[in-house]
């Protein structure tokens, strides 16, 4: 169709091109679909990048947990081999005292 200026409208031109070049349009649409599946699909590039980031984060978390486990194992070994270390932990963490010791509670006045 021609508009008031005598030119064929854009929509009509596209429709004619598709009508006369249907095979080419189908091939182009096929490749567009194929490329979009390669990028956005379940096994696509974006999904792969996301999973790689997740894997890296989990590996860092595993390393941190292994370091923490190693530190705790060293502390366990120290407690098993040293009575002074055992006494230190008992006093600091659990507030335990030896028989006959007196405990004094110090109250600090924060208004001064």
C-alpha atoms as a PDB file:
ATOM      1  CA  UNK A   1       0.000   0.000   0.000  1.00  0.00           C
ATOM      2  CA  UNK A   2       1.111   3.501  -0.679  1.00  0.00           C
ATOM      3  CA  UNK A   3       0.685   6.230   1.844  1.00  0.00           C
ATOM      4  CA  UNK A   4      -0.253   9.799   0.970  1.00  0.00           C
ATOM      5  CA  UNK A   5       3.267  10.564  -0.262  1.00  0.00           C
ATOM      6  CA  UNK A   6       3.192   7.645  -2.714  1.00  0.00           C
ATOM      7  CA  UNK A   7       5.675   5.404  -0.856  1.00  0.00           C
ATOM      8  CA  UNK A   8       5.082   1.816   0.176  1.00  0.00           C
ATOM      9  CA  UNK A   9       4.629   1.523   3.951  1.00  0.00           C
ATOM     10  CA  UNK A  10       7.312  -0.221   5.962  1.00  0.00           C
ATOM     11  CA  UNK A  11       4.990  -2.981   7.170  1.00  0.00           C
ATOM     12  CA  UNK A  12       3.859  -3.769   3.653  1.00  0.00           C
ATOM     13  CA  UNK A  13       7.460  -3.864   2.431  1.00  0.00           C
ATOM     14  CA  UNK A  14       8.449  -6.310   5.172  1.00  0.00           C
ATOM     15  CA  UNK A  15       5.411  -8.481   4.425  1.00  0.00           C
ATOM     16  CA  UNK A  16       6.288  -8.618   0.724  1.00  0.00           C
ATOM     17  CA  UNK A  17       9.933  -9.475   1.499  1.00  0.00           C
ATOM     18  CA  UNK A  18       8.845 -12.337   3.770  1.00  0.00           C
ATOM     19  CA  UNK A  19       6.356 -13.565   1.163  1.00  0.00           C
ATOM     20  CA  UNK A  20       8.906 -13.746  -1.643  1.00  0.00           C
ATOM     21  CA  UNK A  21      11.898 -14.878   0.466  1.00  0.00           C
ATOM     22  CA  UNK A  22      10.204 -17.304   2.835  1.00  0.00           C
ATOM     23  CA  UNK A  23      13.022 -19.867   2.809  1.00  0.00           C
ATOM     24  CA  UNK A  24      15.608 -17.240   3.717  1.00  0.00           C
ATOM     25  CA  UNK A  25      13.419 -15.916   6.543  1.00  0.00           C
ATOM     26  CA  UNK A  26      12.949 -19.439   7.922  1.00  0.00           C
ATOM     27  CA  UNK A  27      16.710 -20.078   7.857  1.00  0.00           C
ATOM     28  CA  UNK A  28      17.422 -16.743   9.587  1.00  0.00           C
ATOM     29  CA  UNK A  29      14.787 -17.445  12.259  1.00  0.00           C
ATOM     30  CA  UNK A  30      16.255 -20.920  12.777  1.00  0.00           C
ATOM     31  CA  UNK A  31      19.734 -19.492  13.358  1.00  0.00           C
ATOM     32  CA  UNK A  32      18.401 -16.788  15.660  1.00  0.00           C
ATOM     33  CA  UNK A  33      16.671 -19.493  17.718  1.00  0.00           C
ATOM     34  CA  UNK A  34      19.806 -21.622  17.738  1.00  0.00           C
ATOM     35  CA  UNK A  35      21.980 -18.727  18.890  1.00  0.00           C
ATOM     36  CA  UNK A  36      19.490 -17.728  21.589  1.00  0.00           C
ATOM     37  CA  UNK A  37      19.400 -21.311  22.908  1.00  0.00           C
ATOM     38  CA  UNK A  38      23.208 -21.379  22.944  1.00  0.00           C
ATOM     39  CA  UNK A  39      23.317 -18.240  25.044  1.00  0.00           C
ATOM     40  CA  UNK A  40      20.185 -18.406  27.199  1.00  0.00           C
ATOM     41  CA  UNK A  41      19.288 -22.134  27.339  1.00  0.00           C
ATOM     42  CA  UNK A  42      19.612 -24.519  30.307  1.00  0.00           C
ATOM     43  CA  UNK A  43      23.032 -25.595  29.079  1.00  0.00           C
ATOM     44  CA  UNK A  44      23.872 -22.215  27.580  1.00  0.00           C
ATOM     45  CA  UNK A  45      26.760 -19.871  28.108  1.00  0.00           C
ATOM     46  CA  UNK A  46      25.042 -17.745  30.768  1.00  0.00           C
ATOM     47  CA  UNK A  47      24.072 -20.834  32.808  1.00  0.00           C
ATOM     48  CA  UNK A  48      27.633 -22.148  32.555  1.00  0.00           C
ATOM     49  CA  UNK A  49      29.075 -18.845  33.804  1.00  0.00           C
ATOM     50  CA  UNK A  50      26.624 -18.810  36.708  1.00  0.00           C
ATOM     51  CA  UNK A  51      27.538 -22.378  37.691  1.00  0.00           C
ATOM     52  CA  UNK A  52      31.265 -21.597  37.495  1.00  0.00           C
ATOM     53  CA  UNK A  53      30.786 -18.652  39.869  1.00  0.00           C
ATOM     54  CA  UNK A  54      28.806 -20.870  42.236  1.00  0.00           C
ATOM     55  CA  UNK A  55      31.528 -23.524  42.117  1.00  0.00           C
ATOM     56  CA  UNK A  56      34.201 -20.948  42.904  1.00  0.00           C
ATOM     57  CA  UNK A  57      32.208 -19.630  45.869  1.00  0.00           C
ATOM     58  CA  UNK A  58      31.662 -23.158  47.209  1.00  0.00           C
ATOM     59  CA  UNK A  59      35.370 -23.988  46.831  1.00  0.00           C
ATOM     60  CA  UNK A  60      36.251 -20.870  48.845  1.00  0.00           C
ATOM     61  CA  UNK A  61      33.730 -21.872  51.508  1.00  0.00           C
ATOM     62  CA  UNK A  62      35.206 -25.386  51.666  1.00  0.00           C
ATOM     63  CA  UNK A  63      38.713 -23.948  52.053  1.00  0.00           C
ATOM     64  CA  UNK A  64      37.562 -21.688  54.887  1.00  0.00           C
ATOM     65  CA  UNK A  65      35.869 -24.611  56.640  1.00  0.00           C
ATOM     66  CA  UNK A  66      38.982 -26.781  56.255  1.00  0.00           C
ATOM     67  CA  UNK A  67      41.113 -24.004  57.769  1.00  0.00           C
ATOM     68  CA  UNK A  68      38.669 -23.697  60.656  1.00  0.00           C
ATOM     69  CA  UNK A  69      38.716 -27.482  61.165  1.00  0.00           C
ATOM     70  CA  UNK A  70      42.522 -27.465  61.210  1.00  0.00           C
ATOM     71  CA  UNK A  71      42.569 -24.656  63.794  1.00  0.00           C
ATOM     72  CA  UNK A  72      40.078 -26.495  66.009  1.00  0.00           C
ATOM     73  CA  UNK A  73      42.078 -29.717  65.718  1.00  0.00           C
ATOM     74  CA  UNK A  74      45.215 -27.872  66.855  1.00  0.00           C
ATOM     75  CA  UNK A  75      43.270 -26.483  69.815  1.00  0.00           C
ATOM     76  CA  UNK A  76      42.034 -29.993  70.707  1.00  0.00           C
ATOM     77  CA  UNK A  77      45.582 -31.335  70.547  1.00  0.00           C
ATOM     78  CA  UNK A  78      46.818 -28.483  72.765  1.00  0.00           C
ATOM     79  CA  UNK A  79      44.071 -29.167  75.319  1.00  0.00           C
ATOM     80  CA  UNK A  80      44.897 -32.880  75.381  1.00  0.00           C
ATOM     81  CA  UNK A  81      48.631 -32.359  75.847  1.00  0.00           C
ATOM     82  CA  UNK A  82      48.807 -29.349  78.183  1.00  0.00           C
ATOM     83  CA  UNK A  83      47.185 -29.009  81.586  1.00  0.00           C
ATOM     84  CA  UNK A  84      47.968 -25.279  81.655  1.00  0.00           C
ATOM     85  CA  UNK A  85      46.074 -24.761  78.392  1.00  0.00           C
ATOM     86  CA  UNK A  86      43.155 -26.789  79.743  1.00  0.00           C
ATOM     87  CA  UNK A  87      43.142 -24.686  82.919  1.00  0.00           C
ATOM     88  CA  UNK A  88      43.289 -21.462  80.893  1.00  0.00           C
ATOM     89  CA  UNK A  89      40.269 -22.436  78.800  1.00  0.00           C
ATOM     90  CA  UNK A  90      38.336 -23.598  81.867  1.00  0.00           C
ATOM     91  CA  UNK A  91      38.950 -20.276  83.606  1.00  0.00           C
ATOM     92  CA  UNK A  92      38.291 -17.975  80.639  1.00  0.00           C
ATOM     93  CA  UNK A  93      35.389 -19.681  78.895  1.00  0.00           C
ATOM     94  CA  UNK A  94      33.603 -21.382  81.768  1.00  0.00           C
ATOM     95  CA  UNK A  95      34.521 -19.227  84.799  1.00  0.00           C
ATOM     96  CA  UNK A  96      35.872 -22.196  86.763  1.00  0.00           C
ATOM     97  CA  UNK A  97      38.149 -21.753  89.753  1.00  0.00           C
ATOM     98  CA  UNK A  98      40.465 -23.880  91.873  1.00  0.00           C
ATOM     99  CA  UNK A  99      39.379 -25.049  95.302  1.00  0.00           C
ATOM    100  CA  UNK A 100      39.882 -22.308  97.876  1.00  0.00           C
ATOM    101  CA  UNK A 101      40.170 -19.421  95.407  1.00  0.00           C
ATOM    102  CA  UNK A 102      38.067 -16.356  96.041  1.00  0.00           C
ATOM    103  CA  UNK A 103      36.366 -14.563  93.176  1.00  0.00           C
ATOM    104  CA  UNK A 104      36.025 -10.806  93.313  1.00  0.00           C
ATOM    105  CA  UNK A 105      33.563  -9.028  91.081  1.00  0.00           C
ATOM    106  CA  UNK A 106      34.791  -5.623  89.947  1.00  0.00           C
ATOM    107  CA  UNK A 107      32.071  -3.129  89.188  1.00  0.00           C
ATOM    108  CA  UNK A 108      33.113  -0.199  87.045  1.00  0.00           C
ATOM    109  CA  UNK A 109      31.136   3.014  87.340  1.00  0.00           C
ATOM    110  CA  UNK A 110      30.611   4.313  83.815  1.00  0.00           C
ATOM    111  CA  UNK A 111      29.262   7.694  84.944  1.00  0.00           C
ATOM    112  CA  UNK A 112      32.725   9.013  85.838  1.00  0.00           C
END
